[in-house]
């Protein structure tokens, strides 16, 4: 490849046995961290296609390879961005998404995708200490740090104790503020279970992940001051974007 005045490689080598998309992926991989900082947006497919003298399909295949390697993420309607360093995420007796994200200088955001009153499954009932089939409020959410999706998932709260909880979340309240409205001034993590698997297609879309990427599945139970379960959650975290730090009792 030739090198342009801006330090970016241009053109492709013919007859070397390396496919065009792989040459483009290798060139962009070399530039990530040097010319493109974490969080930076890469040039558009059309600009890259012109730069390397190929069609957009070839560029798209190269970008997919970088996404599959966890180096970039594609945000629909916004472009392709360099992945940022993993966010240290402390899991301990007091685990708060907004506080964890803010402590690292990033802006925490949450979005309620849906809510419904339903009947507790056997698993949810055991986690909340209620009878199977008891009414619960199910919430589906996605959470971001600086507009980058970090986790998505579903949580369940017992009814009628938390009737209307979803309206507070929809209005922009944090989880802690919403609980405080219901008289739960503090809540603590009673259990955390972490496993890993390939992201489901729906999760990959929400989290802006390439197919085949890994998510860390976090099942948890939160309790109030009296030790009564107030919430159980099944969340999926981008393995490329977080690193869990397990805190001992008394350190949080």
C-alpha atoms as a PDB file:
ATOM      1  CA  UNK A   1       0.000   0.000   0.000  1.00  0.00           C
ATOM      2  CA  UNK A   2       0.952   3.612  -0.557  1.00  0.00           C
ATOM      3  CA  UNK A   3       0.887   6.168   2.256  1.00  0.00           C
ATOM      4  CA  UNK A   4      -0.926   9.463   1.703  1.00  0.00           C
ATOM      5  CA  UNK A   5      -0.002  12.902   2.987  1.00  0.00           C
ATOM      6  CA  UNK A   6      -2.229  12.340   6.037  1.00  0.00           C
ATOM      7  CA  UNK A   7      -0.311   9.213   7.028  1.00  0.00           C
ATOM      8  CA  UNK A   8      -3.136   6.887   5.999  1.00  0.00           C
ATOM      9  CA  UNK A   9      -2.471   3.927   3.746  1.00  0.00           C
ATOM     10  CA  UNK A  10      -4.109   4.035   0.334  1.00  0.00           C
ATOM     11  CA  UNK A  11      -4.513   1.625  -2.528  1.00  0.00           C
ATOM     12  CA  UNK A  12      -4.156  -2.136  -2.366  1.00  0.00           C
ATOM     13  CA  UNK A  13      -1.424  -4.604  -3.259  1.00  0.00           C
ATOM     14  CA  UNK A  14      -2.376  -6.888  -6.129  1.00  0.00           C
ATOM     15  CA  UNK A  15      -1.208 -10.475  -6.531  1.00  0.00           C
ATOM     16  CA  UNK A  16      -0.014 -10.901  -2.958  1.00  0.00           C
ATOM     17  CA  UNK A  17      -2.535 -13.563  -2.083  1.00  0.00           C
ATOM     18  CA  UNK A  18      -4.265 -11.370   0.536  1.00  0.00           C
ATOM     19  CA  UNK A  19      -7.881 -10.457  -0.174  1.00  0.00           C
ATOM     20  CA  UNK A  20      -8.827  -6.806  -0.550  1.00  0.00           C
ATOM     21  CA  UNK A  21     -11.057  -6.710   2.525  1.00  0.00           C
ATOM     22  CA  UNK A  22      -8.327  -8.204   4.707  1.00  0.00           C
ATOM     23  CA  UNK A  23      -5.786  -5.640   3.481  1.00  0.00           C
ATOM     24  CA  UNK A  24      -8.240  -2.877   4.374  1.00  0.00           C
ATOM     25  CA  UNK A  25      -8.925  -4.427   7.782  1.00  0.00           C
ATOM     26  CA  UNK A  26      -5.192  -4.709   8.478  1.00  0.00           C
ATOM     27  CA  UNK A  27      -4.616  -1.078   7.470  1.00  0.00           C
ATOM     28  CA  UNK A  28      -7.417   0.193   9.698  1.00  0.00           C
ATOM     29  CA  UNK A  29      -6.293  -2.070  12.550  1.00  0.00           C
ATOM     30  CA  UNK A  30      -2.844  -0.442  12.376  1.00  0.00           C
ATOM     31  CA  UNK A  31      -4.370   3.026  12.432  1.00  0.00           C
ATOM     32  CA  UNK A  32      -6.634   2.360  15.418  1.00  0.00           C
ATOM     33  CA  UNK A  33      -4.880   3.838  18.431  1.00  0.00           C
ATOM     34  CA  UNK A  34      -2.540   5.868  16.231  1.00  0.00           C
ATOM     35  CA  UNK A  35      -4.761   7.895  13.930  1.00  0.00           C
ATOM     36  CA  UNK A  36      -8.112   7.007  15.530  1.00  0.00           C
ATOM     37  CA  UNK A  37      -8.432   7.379  19.291  1.00  0.00           C
ATOM     38  CA  UNK A  38     -10.831   5.330  21.432  1.00  0.00           C
ATOM     39  CA  UNK A  39     -14.375   6.501  20.766  1.00  0.00           C
ATOM     40  CA  UNK A  40     -13.448   8.139  17.449  1.00  0.00           C
ATOM     41  CA  UNK A  41     -15.681   7.639  14.441  1.00  0.00           C
ATOM     42  CA  UNK A  42     -14.101   6.052  11.392  1.00  0.00           C
ATOM     43  CA  UNK A  43     -14.677   7.525   7.925  1.00  0.00           C
ATOM     44  CA  UNK A  44     -17.858   6.426   6.179  1.00  0.00           C
ATOM     45  CA  UNK A  45     -17.954   3.348   3.964  1.00  0.00           C
ATOM     46  CA  UNK A  46     -18.111   5.515   0.858  1.00  0.00           C
ATOM     47  CA  UNK A  47     -15.041   7.532   1.933  1.00  0.00           C
ATOM     48  CA  UNK A  48     -13.089   4.371   2.713  1.00  0.00           C
ATOM     49  CA  UNK A  49     -14.176   2.796  -0.556  1.00  0.00           C
ATOM     50  CA  UNK A  50     -12.845   5.787  -2.460  1.00  0.00           C
ATOM     51  CA  UNK A  51      -9.626   5.790  -0.438  1.00  0.00           C
ATOM     52  CA  UNK A  52      -8.840   2.145  -1.167  1.00  0.00           C
ATOM     53  CA  UNK A  53     -10.352   2.036  -4.641  1.00  0.00           C
ATOM     54  CA  UNK A  54     -12.890  -0.700  -3.883  1.00  0.00           C
ATOM     55  CA  UNK A  55     -16.657  -1.028  -3.598  1.00  0.00           C
ATOM     56  CA  UNK A  56     -18.568  -0.466  -0.356  1.00  0.00           C
ATOM     57  CA  UNK A  57     -19.290  -4.177   0.057  1.00  0.00           C
ATOM     58  CA  UNK A  58     -15.554  -4.854   0.374  1.00  0.00           C
ATOM     59  CA  UNK A  59     -15.199  -2.081   2.964  1.00  0.00           C
ATOM     60  CA  UNK A  60     -18.206  -3.425   4.864  1.00  0.00           C
ATOM     61  CA  UNK A  61     -16.581  -6.859   5.073  1.00  0.00           C
ATOM     62  CA  UNK A  62     -13.400  -5.302   6.457  1.00  0.00           C
ATOM     63  CA  UNK A  63     -15.330  -3.337   9.096  1.00  0.00           C
ATOM     64  CA  UNK A  64     -17.231  -6.481  10.077  1.00  0.00           C
ATOM     65  CA  UNK A  65     -13.929  -8.262  10.657  1.00  0.00           C
ATOM     66  CA  UNK A  66     -12.818  -5.454  12.966  1.00  0.00           C
ATOM     67  CA  UNK A  67     -16.160  -5.588  14.798  1.00  0.00           C
ATOM     68  CA  UNK A  68     -15.850  -9.359  15.196  1.00  0.00           C
ATOM     69  CA  UNK A  69     -12.423  -8.765  16.764  1.00  0.00           C
ATOM     70  CA  UNK A  70     -13.941  -6.296  19.230  1.00  0.00           C
ATOM     71  CA  UNK A  71     -12.027  -3.305  17.863  1.00  0.00           C
ATOM     72  CA  UNK A  72     -14.972  -1.271  16.544  1.00  0.00           C
ATOM     73  CA  UNK A  73     -18.734  -1.071  16.943  1.00  0.00           C
ATOM     74  CA  UNK A  74     -21.279  -0.145  14.311  1.00  0.00           C
ATOM     75  CA  UNK A  75     -24.049   2.175  15.487  1.00  0.00           C
ATOM     76  CA  UNK A  76     -27.025   2.225  13.151  1.00  0.00           C
ATOM     77  CA  UNK A  77     -27.465   5.671  11.647  1.00  0.00           C
ATOM     78  CA  UNK A  78     -24.359   7.059  13.353  1.00  0.00           C
ATOM     79  CA  UNK A  79     -21.382   5.226  11.871  1.00  0.00           C
ATOM     80  CA  UNK A  80     -18.555   2.970  13.012  1.00  0.00           C
ATOM     81  CA  UNK A  81     -16.634   3.847  16.171  1.00  0.00           C
ATOM     82  CA  UNK A  82     -13.409   2.648  17.769  1.00  0.00           C
ATOM     83  CA  UNK A  83     -14.183   0.680  20.929  1.00  0.00           C
ATOM     84  CA  UNK A  84     -13.138   2.346  24.170  1.00  0.00           C
ATOM     85  CA  UNK A  85     -11.151   0.642  26.952  1.00  0.00           C
ATOM     86  CA  UNK A  86     -13.157  -1.693  29.156  1.00  0.00           C
ATOM     87  CA  UNK A  87     -15.102  -0.002  31.927  1.00  0.00           C
ATOM     88  CA  UNK A  88     -14.105  -1.290  35.391  1.00  0.00           C
ATOM     89  CA  UNK A  89     -17.438  -2.382  36.879  1.00  0.00           C
ATOM     90  CA  UNK A  90     -17.447  -3.035  40.612  1.00  0.00           C
ATOM     91  CA  UNK A  91     -19.821  -5.735  41.835  1.00  0.00           C
ATOM     92  CA  UNK A  92     -20.278  -5.823  45.577  1.00  0.00           C
ATOM     93  CA  UNK A  93     -22.851  -5.381  48.335  1.00  0.00           C
ATOM     94  CA  UNK A  94     -23.763  -1.982  46.893  1.00  0.00           C
ATOM     95  CA  UNK A  95     -23.809  -2.053  43.081  1.00  0.00           C
ATOM     96  CA  UNK A  96     -25.147   1.045  41.282  1.00  0.00           C
ATOM     97  CA  UNK A  97     -24.790   1.403  37.513  1.00  0.00           C
ATOM     98  CA  UNK A  98     -25.017   5.210  37.413  1.00  0.00           C
ATOM     99  CA  UNK A  99     -22.489   5.664  40.233  1.00  0.00           C
ATOM    100  CA  UNK A 100     -20.039   3.192  38.698  1.00  0.00           C
ATOM    101  CA  UNK A 101     -20.162   4.864  35.286  1.00  0.00           C
ATOM    102  CA  UNK A 102     -19.992   8.407  36.690  1.00  0.00           C
ATOM    103  CA  UNK A 103     -16.995   7.492  38.863  1.00  0.00           C
ATOM    104  CA  UNK A 104     -15.034   6.853  35.664  1.00  0.00           C
ATOM    105  CA  UNK A 105     -15.907  10.209  34.117  1.00  0.00           C
ATOM    106  CA  UNK A 106     -18.585   8.906  31.798  1.00  0.00           C
ATOM    107  CA  UNK A 107     -22.273   9.795  31.503  1.00  0.00           C
ATOM    108  CA  UNK A 108     -24.703   7.057  32.531  1.00  0.00           C
ATOM    109  CA  UNK A 109     -27.951   6.697  30.634  1.00  0.00           C
ATOM    110  CA  UNK A 110     -30.792   4.213  30.830  1.00  0.00           C
ATOM    111  CA  UNK A 111     -33.780   3.576  28.599  1.00  0.00           C
ATOM    112  CA  UNK A 112     -36.925   1.642  29.434  1.00  0.00           C
ATOM    113  CA  UNK A 113     -37.773  -0.599  26.485  1.00  0.00           C
ATOM    114  CA  UNK A 114     -40.957  -2.027  27.925  1.00  0.00           C
ATOM    115  CA  UNK A 115     -42.854  -2.930  31.079  1.00  0.00           C
ATOM    116  CA  UNK A 116     -45.652  -5.325  31.886  1.00  0.00           C
ATOM    117  CA  UNK A 117     -47.408  -6.880  34.839  1.00  0.00           C
ATOM    118  CA  UNK A 118     -47.077 -10.643  34.612  1.00  0.00           C
ATOM    119  CA  UNK A 119     -46.928 -13.811  36.712  1.00  0.00           C
ATOM    120  CA  UNK A 120     -43.707 -14.904  38.364  1.00  0.00           C
ATOM    121  CA  UNK A 121     -42.018 -17.916  36.823  1.00  0.00           C
ATOM    122  CA  UNK A 122     -40.611 -20.578  39.131  1.00  0.00           C
ATOM    123  CA  UNK A 123     -37.129 -19.012  38.877  1.00  0.00           C
ATOM    124  CA  UNK A 124     -38.321 -15.448  39.492  1.00  0.00           C
ATOM    125  CA  UNK A 125     -40.522 -16.604  42.374  1.00  0.00           C
ATOM    126  CA  UNK A 126     -37.608 -18.349  44.096  1.00  0.00           C
ATOM    127  CA  UNK A 127     -35.420 -15.287  43.668  1.00  0.00           C
ATOM    128  CA  UNK A 128     -38.035 -12.928  45.115  1.00  0.00           C
ATOM    129  CA  UNK A 129     -39.197 -15.316  47.844  1.00  0.00           C
ATOM    130  CA  UNK A 130     -42.788 -15.347  46.616  1.00  0.00           C
ATOM    131  CA  UNK A 131     -45.176 -18.004  45.347  1.00  0.00           C
ATOM    132  CA  UNK A 132     -44.924 -19.082  41.716  1.00  0.00           C
ATOM    133  CA  UNK A 133     -47.548 -17.245  39.676  1.00  0.00           C
ATOM    134  CA  UNK A 134     -47.614 -14.233  41.994  1.00  0.00           C
ATOM    135  CA  UNK A 135     -47.932 -10.860  40.232  1.00  0.00           C
ATOM    136  CA  UNK A 136     -44.653  -9.129  39.337  1.00  0.00           C
ATOM    137  CA  UNK A 137     -43.643  -6.104  37.316  1.00  0.00           C
ATOM    138  CA  UNK A 138     -41.237  -6.966  34.479  1.00  0.00           C
ATOM    139  CA  UNK A 139     -38.992  -4.201  33.127  1.00  0.00           C
ATOM    140  CA  UNK A 140     -36.829  -4.395  29.986  1.00  0.00           C
ATOM    141  CA  UNK A 141     -34.007  -1.869  29.810  1.00  0.00           C
ATOM    142  CA  UNK A 142     -30.809  -0.949  27.996  1.00  0.00           C
ATOM    143  CA  UNK A 143     -28.038   1.069  29.637  1.00  0.00           C
ATOM    144  CA  UNK A 144     -25.335   3.262  28.097  1.00  0.00           C
ATOM    145  CA  UNK A 145     -22.116   4.989  29.112  1.00  0.00           C
ATOM    146  CA  UNK A 146     -21.413   8.058  26.961  1.00  0.00           C
ATOM    147  CA  UNK A 147     -24.046   6.784  24.502  1.00  0.00           C
ATOM    148  CA  UNK A 148     -22.222   3.444  24.149  1.00  0.00           C
ATOM    149  CA  UNK A 149     -24.478   0.477  25.024  1.00  0.00           C
ATOM    150  CA  UNK A 150     -23.105  -1.433  27.999  1.00  0.00           C
ATOM    151  CA  UNK A 151     -25.904  -3.766  29.074  1.00  0.00           C
ATOM    152  CA  UNK A 152     -29.462  -4.794  28.424  1.00  0.00           C
ATOM    153  CA  UNK A 153     -31.769  -7.112  30.286  1.00  0.00           C
ATOM    154  CA  UNK A 154     -34.912  -7.700  32.267  1.00  0.00           C
ATOM    155  CA  UNK A 155     -35.737  -7.262  35.926  1.00  0.00           C
ATOM    156  CA  UNK A 156     -38.716  -8.263  38.040  1.00  0.00           C
ATOM    157  CA  UNK A 157     -40.206  -6.548  41.095  1.00  0.00           C
ATOM    158  CA  UNK A 158     -42.953  -7.902  43.373  1.00  0.00           C
ATOM    159  CA  UNK A 159     -46.468  -6.476  43.131  1.00  0.00           C
ATOM    160  CA  UNK A 160     -48.411  -4.724  44.492  1.00  0.00           C
ATOM    161  CA  UNK A 161     -45.476  -3.308  46.488  1.00  0.00           C
ATOM    162  CA  UNK A 162     -43.918  -1.615  43.442  1.00  0.00           C
ATOM    163  CA  UNK A 163     -46.983  -0.751  41.361  1.00  0.00           C
ATOM    164  CA  UNK A 164     -46.128   2.289  39.233  1.00  0.00           C
ATOM    165  CA  UNK A 165     -42.358   1.764  39.471  1.00  0.00           C
ATOM    166  CA  UNK A 166     -42.112   1.680  35.678  1.00  0.00           C
ATOM    167  CA  UNK A 167     -43.625   5.169  35.376  1.00  0.00           C
ATOM    168  CA  UNK A 168     -40.803   6.584  37.489  1.00  0.00           C
ATOM    169  CA  UNK A 169     -38.152   4.892  35.339  1.00  0.00           C
ATOM    170  CA  UNK A 170     -39.902   6.097  32.191  1.00  0.00           C
ATOM    171  CA  UNK A 171     -39.799   9.627  33.627  1.00  0.00           C
ATOM    172  CA  UNK A 172     -36.013   9.420  33.943  1.00  0.00           C
ATOM    173  CA  UNK A 173     -35.582   8.445  37.589  1.00  0.00           C
ATOM    174  CA  UNK A 174     -32.591   6.302  38.464  1.00  0.00           C
ATOM    175  CA  UNK A 175     -33.227   2.919  40.018  1.00  0.00           C
ATOM    176  CA  UNK A 176     -32.101   4.198  43.420  1.00  0.00           C
ATOM    177  CA  UNK A 177     -34.371   7.256  43.238  1.00  0.00           C
ATOM    178  CA  UNK A 178     -37.330   5.137  42.192  1.00  0.00           C
ATOM    179  CA  UNK A 179     -36.791   2.718  45.067  1.00  0.00           C
ATOM    180  CA  UNK A 180     -36.519   5.630  47.496  1.00  0.00           C
ATOM    181  CA  UNK A 181     -39.931   6.852  46.345  1.00  0.00           C
ATOM    182  CA  UNK A 182     -41.310   3.493  47.444  1.00  0.00           C
ATOM    183  CA  UNK A 183     -39.674   3.739  50.849  1.00  0.00           C
ATOM    184  CA  UNK A 184     -36.612   1.657  50.037  1.00  0.00           C
ATOM    185  CA  UNK A 185     -33.935   4.126  51.053  1.00  0.00           C
ATOM    186  CA  UNK A 186     -31.185   1.621  50.504  1.00  0.00           C
ATOM    187  CA  UNK A 187     -30.903  -1.788  48.892  1.00  0.00           C
ATOM    188  CA  UNK A 188     -28.031  -4.219  48.741  1.00  0.00           C
ATOM    189  CA  UNK A 189     -26.864  -6.991  46.468  1.00  0.00           C
ATOM    190  CA  UNK A 190     -27.627 -10.351  48.046  1.00  0.00           C
ATOM    191  CA  UNK A 191     -26.519 -12.542  45.132  1.00  0.00           C
ATOM    192  CA  UNK A 192     -24.619 -12.182  41.869  1.00  0.00           C
ATOM    193  CA  UNK A 193     -24.070 -15.008  39.394  1.00  0.00           C
ATOM    194  CA  UNK A 194     -21.996 -14.421  36.252  1.00  0.00           C
ATOM    195  CA  UNK A 195     -21.870 -16.682  33.206  1.00  0.00           C
ATOM    196  CA  UNK A 196     -20.878 -16.121  29.583  1.00  0.00           C
ATOM    197  CA  UNK A 197     -22.365 -17.002  26.199  1.00  0.00           C
ATOM    198  CA  UNK A 198     -22.752 -15.773  22.643  1.00  0.00           C
ATOM    199  CA  UNK A 199     -25.102 -12.818  22.304  1.00  0.00           C
ATOM    200  CA  UNK A 200     -28.555 -13.582  20.944  1.00  0.00           C
ATOM    201  CA  UNK A 201     -29.462 -11.662  17.759  1.00  0.00           C
ATOM    202  CA  UNK A 202     -31.816  -9.348  19.675  1.00  0.00           C
ATOM    203  CA  UNK A 203     -29.106  -8.628  22.261  1.00  0.00           C
ATOM    204  CA  UNK A 204     -26.463  -8.035  19.594  1.00  0.00           C
ATOM    205  CA  UNK A 205     -28.734  -5.467  17.935  1.00  0.00           C
ATOM    206  CA  UNK A 206     -29.411  -3.600  21.194  1.00  0.00           C
ATOM    207  CA  UNK A 207     -25.758  -3.663  22.249  1.00  0.00           C
ATOM    208  CA  UNK A 208     -24.356  -2.890  18.774  1.00  0.00           C
ATOM    209  CA  UNK A 209     -22.322  -6.086  18.696  1.00  0.00           C
ATOM    210  CA  UNK A 210     -21.122  -8.099  15.723  1.00  0.00           C
ATOM    211  CA  UNK A 211     -22.640 -11.590  15.417  1.00  0.00           C
ATOM    212  CA  UNK A 212     -20.847 -14.126  17.571  1.00  0.00           C
ATOM    213  CA  UNK A 213     -19.609 -11.678  20.223  1.00  0.00           C
ATOM    214  CA  UNK A 214     -19.691 -12.699  23.867  1.00  0.00           C
ATOM    215  CA  UNK A 215     -21.932 -11.271  26.578  1.00  0.00           C
ATOM    216  CA  UNK A 216     -21.512 -11.695  30.325  1.00  0.00           C
ATOM    217  CA  UNK A 217     -24.851 -12.742  31.789  1.00  0.00           C
ATOM    218  CA  UNK A 218     -25.380 -11.357  35.291  1.00  0.00           C
ATOM    219  CA  UNK A 219     -28.211 -12.790  37.389  1.00  0.00           C
ATOM    220  CA  UNK A 220     -28.685 -10.845  40.603  1.00  0.00           C
ATOM    221  CA  UNK A 221     -30.973 -10.306  43.583  1.00  0.00           C
ATOM    222  CA  UNK A 222     -31.299  -7.030  45.508  1.00  0.00           C
ATOM    223  CA  UNK A 223     -32.802  -6.844  49.003  1.00  0.00           C
ATOM    224  CA  UNK A 224     -33.979  -4.029  51.278  1.00  0.00           C
ATOM    225  CA  UNK A 225     -32.640  -3.253  54.756  1.00  0.00           C
ATOM    226  CA  UNK A 226     -34.741  -6.060  56.220  1.00  0.00           C
ATOM    227  CA  UNK A 227     -33.322  -8.587  53.780  1.00  0.00           C
ATOM    228  CA  UNK A 228     -36.568  -8.821  51.781  1.00  0.00           C
ATOM    229  CA  UNK A 229     -35.966  -9.244  48.022  1.00  0.00           C
ATOM    230  CA  UNK A 230     -37.078  -6.187  46.052  1.00  0.00           C
ATOM    231  CA  UNK A 231     -35.671  -7.005  42.601  1.00  0.00           C
ATOM    232  CA  UNK A 232     -34.178  -9.829  40.611  1.00  0.00           C
ATOM    233  CA  UNK A 233     -32.410  -9.139  37.333  1.00  0.00           C
ATOM    234  CA  UNK A 234     -31.028 -10.997  34.324  1.00  0.00           C
ATOM    235  CA  UNK A 235     -28.686  -8.612  32.496  1.00  0.00           C
ATOM    236  CA  UNK A 236     -26.365  -9.063  29.532  1.00  0.00           C
ATOM    237  CA  UNK A 237     -23.135  -7.021  29.522  1.00  0.00           C
ATOM    238  CA  UNK A 238     -20.814  -6.534  26.518  1.00  0.00           C
ATOM    239  CA  UNK A 239     -17.721  -8.561  27.413  1.00  0.00           C
ATOM    240  CA  UNK A 240     -15.599  -6.230  25.252  1.00  0.00           C
ATOM    241  CA  UNK A 241     -16.759  -3.135  27.157  1.00  0.00           C
ATOM    242  CA  UNK A 242     -16.644  -4.051  30.854  1.00  0.00           C
ATOM    243  CA  UNK A 243     -14.392  -5.820  33.296  1.00  0.00           C
ATOM    244  CA  UNK A 244     -16.012  -6.955  36.508  1.00  0.00           C
ATOM    245  CA  UNK A 245     -14.268  -6.140  39.773  1.00  0.00           C
ATOM    246  CA  UNK A 246     -15.559  -8.218  42.674  1.00  0.00           C
ATOM    247  CA  UNK A 247     -15.618  -6.201  45.890  1.00  0.00           C
ATOM    248  CA  UNK A 248     -15.501  -7.820  49.332  1.00  0.00           C
ATOM    249  CA  UNK A 249     -18.008  -6.985  52.055  1.00  0.00           C
ATOM    250  CA  UNK A 250     -17.238  -3.613  53.598  1.00  0.00           C
ATOM    251  CA  UNK A 251     -15.270  -2.179  50.645  1.00  0.00           C
ATOM    252  CA  UNK A 252     -18.178  -0.565  48.799  1.00  0.00           C
END
